[in-house]
């Protein structure tokens, strides 16, 4: 109880000391606000079967990075730095999503059977996209994560495409020796 009285006395003393001061108007947000609780989406169940997992919309970051558990940190760092030379290239610029999906599947299958370890896929940055979002970058991100043969991938270094391309590290399991 003594604490509340002390606080009240301090508040009163402070208000008397500042006198007739008016607070400045600010256009900033309050420093603290209570967060709203997340609410689940109540989507009808019949629509869940219509969507393919590969075509769900997700936010795509500028820098793409993904690695499966068990991939050594050093190997992933070498991939990010461009020390693992890409042995194959695929350019998806200007393709429609379905054409890009077919080209992507053929490209990965060919490189896996050829025994290649690292490849580069150029998806572009999506600057001329109608919605301003990089469609092929998003799809490439999704497709690569869904393929078990893909051990890791990351955005290419600046000199080799930057955020408009990815380096992909492929699995050696099930490969034929060239």
N, C-alpha and C. Protein backbone atom coordinates (compact mmCIF):
# COMPACT_ATOMS: atom_id res chain seq x y z
N UNK A 1 0.83 -1.18 0.00
CA UNK A 1 0.00 0.00 0.00
C UNK A 1 0.87 1.24 0.00
N UNK A 2 1.98 1.18 0.69
CA UNK A 2 2.88 2.31 0.73
C UNK A 2 3.46 2.63 -0.64
N UNK A 3 3.60 1.61 -1.44
CA UNK A 3 4.17 1.80 -2.77
C UNK A 3 3.25 2.62 -3.67
N UNK A 4 1.94 2.34 -3.61
CA UNK A 4 0.99 3.10 -4.43
C UNK A 4 0.95 4.56 -4.02
N UNK A 5 1.00 4.82 -2.72
CA UNK A 5 1.01 6.21 -2.24
C UNK A 5 2.25 6.94 -2.72
N UNK A 6 3.43 6.26 -2.66
CA UNK A 6 4.66 6.88 -3.13
C UNK A 6 4.56 7.20 -4.62
N UNK A 7 4.01 6.26 -5.38
CA UNK A 7 3.86 6.45 -6.84
C UNK A 7 2.93 7.62 -7.11
N UNK A 8 1.82 7.71 -6.38
CA UNK A 8 0.87 8.80 -6.57
C UNK A 8 1.52 10.14 -6.23
N UNK A 9 2.29 10.17 -5.15
CA UNK A 9 2.98 11.40 -4.78
C UNK A 9 3.99 11.81 -5.84
N UNK A 10 4.71 10.85 -6.40
CA UNK A 10 5.69 11.16 -7.46
C UNK A 10 4.98 11.70 -8.69
N UNK A 11 3.86 11.07 -9.08
CA UNK A 11 3.11 11.53 -10.24
C UNK A 11 2.60 12.96 -10.03
N UNK A 12 2.07 13.22 -8.84
CA UNK A 12 1.56 14.56 -8.53
C UNK A 12 2.70 15.57 -8.56
N UNK A 13 3.83 15.23 -7.95
CA UNK A 13 4.99 16.13 -7.94
C UNK A 13 5.50 16.39 -9.35
N UNK A 14 5.52 15.38 -10.17
CA UNK A 14 5.98 15.54 -11.55
C UNK A 14 5.04 16.46 -12.33
N UNK A 15 3.76 16.24 -12.20
CA UNK A 15 2.79 17.06 -12.93
C UNK A 15 2.86 18.53 -12.49
N UNK A 16 3.10 18.79 -11.21
CA UNK A 16 3.24 20.16 -10.72
C UNK A 16 4.52 20.79 -11.26
N UNK A 17 5.58 20.00 -11.37
CA UNK A 17 6.87 20.52 -11.84
C UNK A 17 6.82 20.93 -13.31
N UNK A 18 6.09 20.18 -14.13
CA UNK A 18 6.07 20.50 -15.56
C UNK A 18 5.06 21.59 -15.89
N UNK A 19 4.10 21.83 -15.02
CA UNK A 19 3.17 22.94 -15.21
C UNK A 19 2.20 22.71 -16.35
N UNK A 20 2.01 23.76 -17.15
CA UNK A 20 1.04 23.72 -18.26
C UNK A 20 1.71 23.31 -19.56
N UNK A 21 2.30 22.14 -19.59
CA UNK A 21 2.97 21.64 -20.81
C UNK A 21 1.99 20.78 -21.58
N UNK A 22 1.95 20.99 -22.89
CA UNK A 22 1.09 20.17 -23.74
C UNK A 22 1.95 19.13 -24.44
N UNK A 23 1.49 17.89 -24.50
CA UNK A 23 2.28 16.85 -25.18
C UNK A 23 2.31 17.11 -26.69
N UNK A 24 3.44 16.77 -27.32
CA UNK A 24 3.59 16.91 -28.77
C UNK A 24 2.84 15.79 -29.46
N UNK A 25 2.30 16.11 -30.61
CA UNK A 25 1.62 15.08 -31.39
C UNK A 25 2.68 14.28 -32.14
N UNK A 26 2.54 12.95 -32.13
CA UNK A 26 3.49 12.08 -32.79
C UNK A 26 2.75 11.17 -33.75
N UNK A 27 3.44 10.83 -34.83
CA UNK A 27 2.84 9.91 -35.79
C UNK A 27 3.42 8.50 -35.63
N UNK A 28 4.07 8.24 -34.52
CA UNK A 28 4.65 6.93 -34.26
C UNK A 28 3.63 6.03 -33.58
N UNK A 29 3.87 4.75 -33.70
CA UNK A 29 3.02 3.78 -33.03
C UNK A 29 3.37 3.74 -31.56
N UNK A 30 2.43 3.33 -30.76
CA UNK A 30 2.70 3.17 -29.34
C UNK A 30 3.79 2.12 -29.16
N UNK A 31 4.65 2.33 -28.16
CA UNK A 31 5.75 1.39 -28.00
C UNK A 31 5.32 -0.02 -27.61
N UNK A 32 4.18 -0.16 -27.00
CA UNK A 32 3.71 -1.49 -26.64
C UNK A 32 2.23 -1.58 -26.96
N UNK A 33 1.88 -2.69 -27.52
CA UNK A 33 0.47 -2.97 -27.70
C UNK A 33 0.26 -4.47 -27.55
N UNK A 34 -0.85 -4.80 -27.07
CA UNK A 34 -1.14 -6.20 -26.82
C UNK A 34 -1.36 -6.90 -28.16
N UNK A 35 -0.72 -8.05 -28.31
CA UNK A 35 -0.85 -8.81 -29.56
C UNK A 35 -2.17 -9.57 -29.59
N UNK A 36 -2.71 -9.65 -30.78
CA UNK A 36 -3.94 -10.41 -30.93
C UNK A 36 -3.62 -11.89 -30.97
N UNK A 37 -4.52 -12.67 -30.50
CA UNK A 37 -4.34 -14.12 -30.53
C UNK A 37 -4.53 -14.60 -31.96
N UNK A 38 -3.74 -15.58 -32.40
CA UNK A 38 -3.94 -16.12 -33.74
C UNK A 38 -5.25 -16.88 -33.82
N UNK A 39 -5.91 -16.71 -34.94
CA UNK A 39 -7.17 -17.40 -35.14
C UNK A 39 -7.04 -18.33 -36.34
N UNK A 40 -7.46 -19.58 -36.22
CA UNK A 40 -7.33 -20.51 -37.35
C UNK A 40 -8.29 -20.12 -38.48
N UNK A 41 -7.86 -20.40 -39.71
CA UNK A 41 -8.73 -20.17 -40.85
C UNK A 41 -9.73 -21.31 -40.92
N UNK A 42 -10.96 -20.97 -41.08
CA UNK A 42 -12.01 -21.98 -41.19
C UNK A 42 -12.33 -22.21 -42.66
N UNK A 43 -11.42 -22.88 -43.36
CA UNK A 43 -11.62 -23.16 -44.77
C UNK A 43 -12.43 -24.44 -44.92
N UNK A 44 -13.30 -24.49 -45.92
CA UNK A 44 -14.05 -25.73 -46.15
C UNK A 44 -13.11 -26.88 -46.50
N UNK A 45 -13.42 -28.07 -46.05
CA UNK A 45 -12.58 -29.24 -46.26
C UNK A 45 -12.56 -29.66 -47.72
N UNK A 46 -13.64 -29.47 -48.46
CA UNK A 46 -13.70 -29.93 -49.84
C UNK A 46 -12.69 -29.21 -50.74
N UNK A 47 -12.26 -27.99 -50.37
CA UNK A 47 -11.29 -27.27 -51.18
C UNK A 47 -9.86 -27.72 -50.93
N UNK A 48 -9.63 -28.44 -49.85
CA UNK A 48 -8.27 -28.87 -49.51
C UNK A 48 -7.72 -29.84 -50.54
N UNK A 49 -8.58 -30.66 -51.16
CA UNK A 49 -8.10 -31.63 -52.13
C UNK A 49 -7.81 -30.99 -53.48
N UNK A 50 -8.33 -29.80 -53.73
CA UNK A 50 -8.13 -29.15 -55.02
C UNK A 50 -6.73 -28.56 -55.18
N UNK A 51 -6.06 -28.23 -54.08
CA UNK A 51 -4.74 -27.60 -54.14
C UNK A 51 -3.65 -28.65 -54.13
N UNK A 52 -2.69 -28.52 -55.04
CA UNK A 52 -1.52 -29.36 -55.02
C UNK A 52 -0.52 -28.77 -54.06
N UNK A 53 0.24 -29.59 -53.36
CA UNK A 53 1.24 -29.03 -52.44
C UNK A 53 2.25 -28.13 -53.14
N UNK A 54 2.57 -28.41 -54.40
CA UNK A 54 3.56 -27.61 -55.11
C UNK A 54 3.05 -26.25 -55.54
N UNK A 55 1.77 -26.00 -55.43
CA UNK A 55 1.22 -24.75 -55.92
C UNK A 55 0.64 -23.86 -54.82
N UNK A 56 0.97 -24.13 -53.58
CA UNK A 56 0.50 -23.27 -52.51
C UNK A 56 1.32 -21.99 -52.48
N UNK A 57 0.69 -20.89 -52.22
CA UNK A 57 1.39 -19.61 -52.17
C UNK A 57 2.06 -19.44 -50.81
N UNK A 58 3.34 -19.14 -50.85
CA UNK A 58 4.06 -18.81 -49.62
C UNK A 58 4.93 -17.60 -49.91
N UNK A 59 5.27 -16.90 -48.86
CA UNK A 59 6.15 -15.73 -48.99
C UNK A 59 7.56 -16.21 -49.31
N UNK A 60 8.18 -15.63 -50.32
CA UNK A 60 9.52 -16.03 -50.72
C UNK A 60 10.50 -14.94 -50.34
N UNK A 61 11.52 -15.28 -49.54
CA UNK A 61 12.51 -14.26 -49.16
C UNK A 61 13.43 -13.93 -50.32
N UNK A 62 14.18 -12.84 -50.20
CA UNK A 62 15.14 -12.46 -51.23
C UNK A 62 16.21 -13.52 -51.40
N UNK A 63 16.84 -13.90 -50.29
CA UNK A 63 17.89 -14.93 -50.32
C UNK A 63 17.28 -16.27 -50.01
N UNK A 64 17.43 -17.21 -50.93
CA UNK A 64 16.92 -18.55 -50.70
C UNK A 64 18.00 -19.40 -50.07
N UNK A 65 17.65 -20.13 -49.04
CA UNK A 65 18.58 -21.05 -48.38
C UNK A 65 17.79 -22.23 -47.85
N UNK A 66 18.30 -23.43 -48.11
CA UNK A 66 17.67 -24.64 -47.62
C UNK A 66 18.72 -25.73 -47.57
N UNK A 67 18.71 -26.50 -46.49
CA UNK A 67 19.56 -27.68 -46.44
C UNK A 67 18.89 -28.74 -45.59
N UNK A 68 19.05 -29.95 -46.01
CA UNK A 68 18.47 -31.07 -45.29
C UNK A 68 19.32 -31.40 -44.07
N UNK A 69 18.73 -32.01 -43.06
CA UNK A 69 19.51 -32.42 -41.90
C UNK A 69 20.63 -33.38 -42.32
N UNK A 70 21.78 -33.22 -41.74
CA UNK A 70 22.91 -34.08 -42.06
C UNK A 70 23.89 -33.48 -43.04
N UNK A 71 23.52 -32.39 -43.69
CA UNK A 71 24.44 -31.72 -44.61
C UNK A 71 25.44 -30.93 -43.79
N UNK A 72 26.71 -31.18 -44.03
CA UNK A 72 27.74 -30.51 -43.25
C UNK A 72 27.72 -29.00 -43.47
N UNK A 73 27.99 -28.29 -42.39
CA UNK A 73 28.00 -26.84 -42.44
C UNK A 73 29.04 -26.34 -43.45
N UNK A 74 30.19 -26.97 -43.47
CA UNK A 74 31.28 -26.56 -44.38
C UNK A 74 30.87 -26.72 -45.85
N UNK A 75 30.20 -27.82 -46.16
CA UNK A 75 29.73 -28.05 -47.54
C UNK A 75 28.73 -26.98 -47.94
N UNK A 76 27.81 -26.66 -47.03
CA UNK A 76 26.81 -25.64 -47.33
C UNK A 76 27.46 -24.26 -47.50
N UNK A 77 28.45 -23.95 -46.67
CA UNK A 77 29.17 -22.68 -46.80
C UNK A 77 29.90 -22.61 -48.14
N UNK A 78 30.51 -23.71 -48.56
CA UNK A 78 31.19 -23.74 -49.86
C UNK A 78 30.19 -23.51 -51.00
N UNK A 79 29.00 -24.08 -50.87
CA UNK A 79 27.96 -23.88 -51.88
C UNK A 79 27.56 -22.41 -51.93
N UNK A 80 27.34 -21.79 -50.76
CA UNK A 80 26.95 -20.37 -50.70
C UNK A 80 28.02 -19.45 -51.27
N UNK A 81 29.26 -19.77 -51.05
CA UNK A 81 30.36 -18.92 -51.53
C UNK A 81 30.68 -19.14 -52.99
N UNK A 82 30.09 -20.15 -53.59
CA UNK A 82 30.36 -20.42 -55.00
C UNK A 82 31.62 -21.23 -55.22
N UNK A 83 32.11 -21.92 -54.17
CA UNK A 83 33.31 -22.72 -54.30
C UNK A 83 33.05 -24.07 -54.95
N UNK A 84 31.81 -24.51 -54.93
CA UNK A 84 31.42 -25.73 -55.65
C UNK A 84 30.90 -25.28 -57.01
N UNK A 85 31.64 -25.62 -58.03
CA UNK A 85 31.34 -25.16 -59.40
C UNK A 85 30.09 -25.85 -59.95
N UNK A 86 29.11 -25.10 -60.44
CA UNK A 86 27.93 -25.72 -61.06
C UNK A 86 28.32 -26.41 -62.37
N UNK A 87 27.84 -27.62 -62.53
CA UNK A 87 28.17 -28.41 -63.72
C UNK A 87 27.06 -28.38 -64.77
N UNK A 88 25.94 -27.77 -64.44
CA UNK A 88 24.84 -27.65 -65.39
C UNK A 88 24.06 -26.39 -65.10
N UNK A 89 23.40 -25.85 -66.14
CA UNK A 89 22.62 -24.61 -66.00
C UNK A 89 21.26 -24.78 -66.63
N UNK A 90 20.26 -24.20 -65.98
CA UNK A 90 18.90 -24.14 -66.51
C UNK A 90 18.42 -22.71 -66.36
N UNK A 91 17.94 -22.13 -67.46
CA UNK A 91 17.41 -20.77 -67.44
C UNK A 91 15.90 -20.82 -67.63
N UNK A 92 15.16 -20.38 -66.63
CA UNK A 92 13.69 -20.41 -66.67
C UNK A 92 13.08 -19.06 -67.06
N UNK A 93 13.92 -18.07 -67.37
CA UNK A 93 13.41 -16.74 -67.72
C UNK A 93 12.34 -16.80 -68.80
N UNK A 94 11.24 -16.11 -68.57
CA UNK A 94 10.20 -15.97 -69.58
C UNK A 94 9.30 -17.17 -69.75
N UNK A 95 9.50 -18.22 -68.99
CA UNK A 95 8.66 -19.42 -69.13
C UNK A 95 7.40 -19.27 -68.28
N UNK A 96 6.37 -19.93 -68.72
CA UNK A 96 5.16 -20.05 -67.92
C UNK A 96 5.41 -21.14 -66.87
N UNK A 97 4.61 -21.15 -65.83
CA UNK A 97 4.84 -22.05 -64.70
C UNK A 97 4.84 -23.52 -65.14
N UNK A 98 3.88 -23.93 -65.95
CA UNK A 98 3.83 -25.33 -66.38
C UNK A 98 5.02 -25.71 -67.24
N UNK A 99 5.43 -24.82 -68.14
CA UNK A 99 6.62 -25.09 -68.96
C UNK A 99 7.87 -25.16 -68.08
N UNK A 100 7.94 -24.26 -67.11
CA UNK A 100 9.08 -24.25 -66.21
C UNK A 100 9.12 -25.52 -65.36
N UNK A 101 7.97 -26.01 -64.94
CA UNK A 101 7.92 -27.24 -64.13
C UNK A 101 8.42 -28.43 -64.94
N UNK A 102 8.00 -28.53 -66.18
CA UNK A 102 8.47 -29.64 -67.03
C UNK A 102 9.98 -29.54 -67.28
N UNK A 103 10.45 -28.33 -67.60
CA UNK A 103 11.88 -28.14 -67.84
C UNK A 103 12.68 -28.44 -66.57
N UNK A 104 12.18 -28.03 -65.43
CA UNK A 104 12.82 -28.27 -64.15
C UNK A 104 12.96 -29.77 -63.90
N UNK A 105 11.87 -30.52 -64.09
CA UNK A 105 11.89 -31.97 -63.84
C UNK A 105 12.86 -32.67 -64.78
N UNK A 106 12.82 -32.32 -66.07
CA UNK A 106 13.75 -32.95 -67.04
C UNK A 106 15.20 -32.62 -66.70
N UNK A 107 15.45 -31.36 -66.32
CA UNK A 107 16.80 -30.92 -66.00
C UNK A 107 17.36 -31.67 -64.80
N UNK A 108 16.57 -31.78 -63.74
CA UNK A 108 17.04 -32.51 -62.56
C UNK A 108 17.26 -33.98 -62.86
N UNK A 109 16.34 -34.59 -63.58
CA UNK A 109 16.49 -36.02 -63.92
C UNK A 109 17.76 -36.24 -64.74
N UNK A 110 18.02 -35.38 -65.72
CA UNK A 110 19.21 -35.51 -66.56
C UNK A 110 20.48 -35.37 -65.74
N UNK A 111 20.52 -34.38 -64.86
CA UNK A 111 21.72 -34.13 -64.06
C UNK A 111 21.95 -35.22 -63.02
N UNK A 112 20.89 -35.81 -62.50
CA UNK A 112 21.05 -36.91 -61.55
C UNK A 112 21.62 -38.14 -62.24
N UNK A 113 21.11 -38.46 -63.43
CA UNK A 113 21.63 -39.63 -64.14
C UNK A 113 23.03 -39.37 -64.70
N UNK A 114 23.38 -38.11 -64.93
CA UNK A 114 24.72 -37.77 -65.41
C UNK A 114 25.75 -37.74 -64.29
N UNK A 115 25.30 -37.82 -63.05
CA UNK A 115 26.22 -37.83 -61.92
C UNK A 115 26.75 -36.46 -61.53
N UNK A 116 26.02 -35.42 -61.84
CA UNK A 116 26.47 -34.08 -61.49
C UNK A 116 26.16 -33.79 -60.03
N UNK A 117 27.04 -33.05 -59.40
CA UNK A 117 26.93 -32.75 -57.96
C UNK A 117 26.24 -31.43 -57.71
N UNK A 118 26.52 -30.41 -58.52
CA UNK A 118 25.99 -29.07 -58.31
C UNK A 118 25.50 -28.50 -59.63
N UNK A 119 24.34 -27.87 -59.61
CA UNK A 119 23.78 -27.23 -60.80
C UNK A 119 23.28 -25.85 -60.42
N UNK A 120 23.07 -25.01 -61.45
CA UNK A 120 22.55 -23.66 -61.23
C UNK A 120 21.24 -23.53 -61.98
N UNK A 121 20.24 -22.98 -61.31
CA UNK A 121 18.94 -22.71 -61.93
C UNK A 121 18.70 -21.21 -61.85
N UNK A 122 18.51 -20.58 -63.01
CA UNK A 122 18.23 -19.14 -63.07
C UNK A 122 16.72 -18.99 -63.17
N UNK A 123 16.12 -18.40 -62.14
CA UNK A 123 14.67 -18.21 -62.11
C UNK A 123 14.28 -16.76 -62.31
N UNK A 124 15.20 -15.84 -62.15
CA UNK A 124 14.92 -14.41 -62.29
C UNK A 124 14.43 -13.81 -60.98
N UNK A 125 14.30 -12.52 -60.98
CA UNK A 125 13.89 -11.80 -59.77
C UNK A 125 12.41 -11.42 -59.78
N UNK A 126 11.74 -11.58 -60.90
CA UNK A 126 10.32 -11.29 -60.97
C UNK A 126 9.98 -9.82 -61.04
N UNK A 127 10.88 -9.00 -61.56
CA UNK A 127 10.63 -7.57 -61.61
C UNK A 127 9.57 -7.18 -62.63
N UNK A 128 9.38 -8.00 -63.64
CA UNK A 128 8.35 -7.70 -64.65
C UNK A 128 7.08 -8.51 -64.44
N UNK A 129 6.96 -9.12 -63.29
CA UNK A 129 5.78 -9.92 -62.98
C UNK A 129 4.58 -9.00 -62.80
N UNK A 130 3.39 -9.42 -63.24
CA UNK A 130 2.21 -8.55 -63.11
C UNK A 130 1.90 -8.15 -61.67
N UNK A 131 2.09 -9.06 -60.72
CA UNK A 131 1.79 -8.75 -59.32
C UNK A 131 3.01 -8.23 -58.58
N UNK A 132 4.14 -8.16 -59.24
CA UNK A 132 5.36 -7.68 -58.59
C UNK A 132 6.05 -8.72 -57.74
N UNK A 133 5.47 -9.92 -57.66
CA UNK A 133 6.08 -11.01 -56.88
C UNK A 133 6.80 -11.96 -57.82
N UNK A 134 7.95 -12.48 -57.44
CA UNK A 134 8.70 -13.39 -58.30
C UNK A 134 8.06 -14.78 -58.33
N UNK A 135 7.27 -15.05 -59.35
CA UNK A 135 6.51 -16.30 -59.43
C UNK A 135 7.44 -17.50 -59.60
N UNK A 136 8.35 -17.44 -60.56
CA UNK A 136 9.22 -18.60 -60.80
C UNK A 136 10.21 -18.81 -59.65
N UNK A 137 10.59 -17.76 -58.98
CA UNK A 137 11.47 -17.91 -57.81
C UNK A 137 10.73 -18.66 -56.71
N UNK A 138 9.49 -18.29 -56.49
CA UNK A 138 8.67 -18.96 -55.48
C UNK A 138 8.47 -20.43 -55.83
N UNK A 139 8.14 -20.71 -57.08
CA UNK A 139 7.91 -22.09 -57.51
C UNK A 139 9.19 -22.91 -57.43
N UNK A 140 10.32 -22.33 -57.83
CA UNK A 140 11.59 -23.04 -57.75
C UNK A 140 11.91 -23.39 -56.30
N UNK A 141 11.69 -22.46 -55.40
CA UNK A 141 11.89 -22.70 -53.97
C UNK A 141 11.05 -23.88 -53.50
N UNK A 142 9.78 -23.92 -53.89
CA UNK A 142 8.89 -25.00 -53.48
C UNK A 142 9.29 -26.33 -54.10
N UNK A 143 9.55 -26.32 -55.41
CA UNK A 143 9.87 -27.57 -56.11
C UNK A 143 11.15 -28.20 -55.58
N UNK A 144 12.16 -27.37 -55.32
CA UNK A 144 13.42 -27.91 -54.83
C UNK A 144 13.27 -28.54 -53.45
N UNK A 145 12.48 -27.93 -52.58
CA UNK A 145 12.29 -28.48 -51.24
C UNK A 145 11.51 -29.79 -51.26
N UNK A 146 10.72 -30.01 -52.30
CA UNK A 146 9.91 -31.22 -52.39
C UNK A 146 10.67 -32.40 -52.97
N UNK A 147 11.80 -32.16 -53.57
CA UNK A 147 12.58 -33.24 -54.20
C UNK A 147 13.59 -33.81 -53.21
N UNK A 148 13.52 -35.12 -52.97
CA UNK A 148 14.42 -35.77 -52.02
C UNK A 148 15.87 -35.78 -52.53
N UNK A 149 16.08 -35.70 -53.83
CA UNK A 149 17.43 -35.72 -54.39
C UNK A 149 18.18 -34.42 -54.15
N UNK A 150 17.45 -33.38 -53.79
CA UNK A 150 18.06 -32.08 -53.52
C UNK A 150 18.48 -32.04 -52.06
N UNK A 151 19.79 -31.98 -51.84
CA UNK A 151 20.32 -31.95 -50.47
C UNK A 151 20.31 -30.55 -49.90
N UNK A 152 20.62 -29.57 -50.74
CA UNK A 152 20.68 -28.17 -50.28
C UNK A 152 20.59 -27.26 -51.50
N UNK A 153 20.17 -26.03 -51.26
CA UNK A 153 20.24 -25.00 -52.29
C UNK A 153 20.32 -23.65 -51.63
N UNK A 154 20.86 -22.69 -52.36
CA UNK A 154 20.98 -21.33 -51.84
C UNK A 154 21.08 -20.37 -53.02
N UNK A 155 20.82 -19.11 -52.76
CA UNK A 155 20.96 -18.09 -53.80
C UNK A 155 22.41 -18.06 -54.25
N UNK A 156 22.59 -17.84 -55.54
CA UNK A 156 23.94 -17.82 -56.12
C UNK A 156 24.68 -16.56 -55.67
N UNK A 157 26.01 -16.58 -55.74
CA UNK A 157 26.77 -15.36 -55.46
C UNK A 157 26.44 -14.26 -56.46
N UNK A 158 26.75 -13.03 -56.11
CA UNK A 158 26.43 -11.88 -56.98
C UNK A 158 26.93 -12.07 -58.40
N UNK A 159 28.14 -12.58 -58.57
CA UNK A 159 28.75 -12.67 -59.90
C UNK A 159 28.12 -13.77 -60.76
N UNK A 160 27.24 -14.59 -60.16
CA UNK A 160 26.66 -15.69 -60.92
C UNK A 160 25.13 -15.68 -60.88
N UNK A 161 24.54 -14.51 -60.73
CA UNK A 161 23.09 -14.41 -60.78
C UNK A 161 22.47 -13.85 -59.52
N UNK A 162 23.17 -13.91 -58.41
CA UNK A 162 22.66 -13.33 -57.16
C UNK A 162 21.32 -13.91 -56.77
N UNK A 163 20.39 -13.04 -56.38
CA UNK A 163 19.08 -13.50 -55.92
C UNK A 163 18.17 -13.95 -57.06
N UNK A 164 18.68 -13.90 -58.29
CA UNK A 164 17.90 -14.37 -59.44
C UNK A 164 18.28 -15.77 -59.87
N UNK A 165 19.13 -16.45 -59.09
CA UNK A 165 19.56 -17.81 -59.42
C UNK A 165 19.84 -18.58 -58.14
N UNK A 166 19.80 -19.90 -58.23
CA UNK A 166 20.14 -20.74 -57.08
C UNK A 166 21.16 -21.79 -57.49
N UNK A 167 22.05 -22.10 -56.55
CA UNK A 167 22.94 -23.24 -56.67
C UNK A 167 22.26 -24.40 -55.95
N UNK A 168 22.25 -25.56 -56.60
CA UNK A 168 21.56 -26.73 -56.06
C UNK A 168 22.57 -27.85 -55.87
N UNK A 169 22.63 -28.41 -54.68
CA UNK A 169 23.51 -29.53 -54.37
C UNK A 169 22.67 -30.80 -54.47
N UNK A 170 23.09 -31.71 -55.36
CA UNK A 170 22.31 -32.92 -55.61
C UNK A 170 22.90 -34.12 -54.87
N UNK A 171 22.05 -35.09 -54.60
CA UNK A 171 22.44 -36.30 -53.89
C UNK A 171 23.26 -37.20 -54.81
N UNK A 172 24.14 -37.98 -54.21
CA UNK A 172 24.93 -38.95 -54.98
C UNK A 172 24.31 -40.34 -54.94
N UNK A 173 23.29 -40.55 -54.14
CA UNK A 173 22.65 -41.85 -54.05
C UNK A 173 21.90 -42.17 -55.32
N UNK A 174 22.03 -43.41 -55.78
CA UNK A 174 21.30 -43.85 -56.95
C UNK A 174 21.84 -43.31 -58.26
N UNK A 175 23.04 -42.79 -58.27
CA UNK A 175 23.61 -42.26 -59.51
C UNK A 175 24.41 -43.33 -60.23
N UNK A 176 24.48 -43.17 -61.51
CA UNK A 176 25.37 -44.00 -62.33
C UNK A 176 26.68 -43.27 -62.47
N UNK A 177 27.78 -43.99 -62.51
CA UNK A 177 29.06 -43.34 -62.78
C UNK A 177 29.16 -43.01 -64.25
N UNK A 178 29.53 -41.80 -64.61
CA UNK A 178 29.56 -41.42 -66.02
C UNK A 178 30.66 -42.11 -66.77
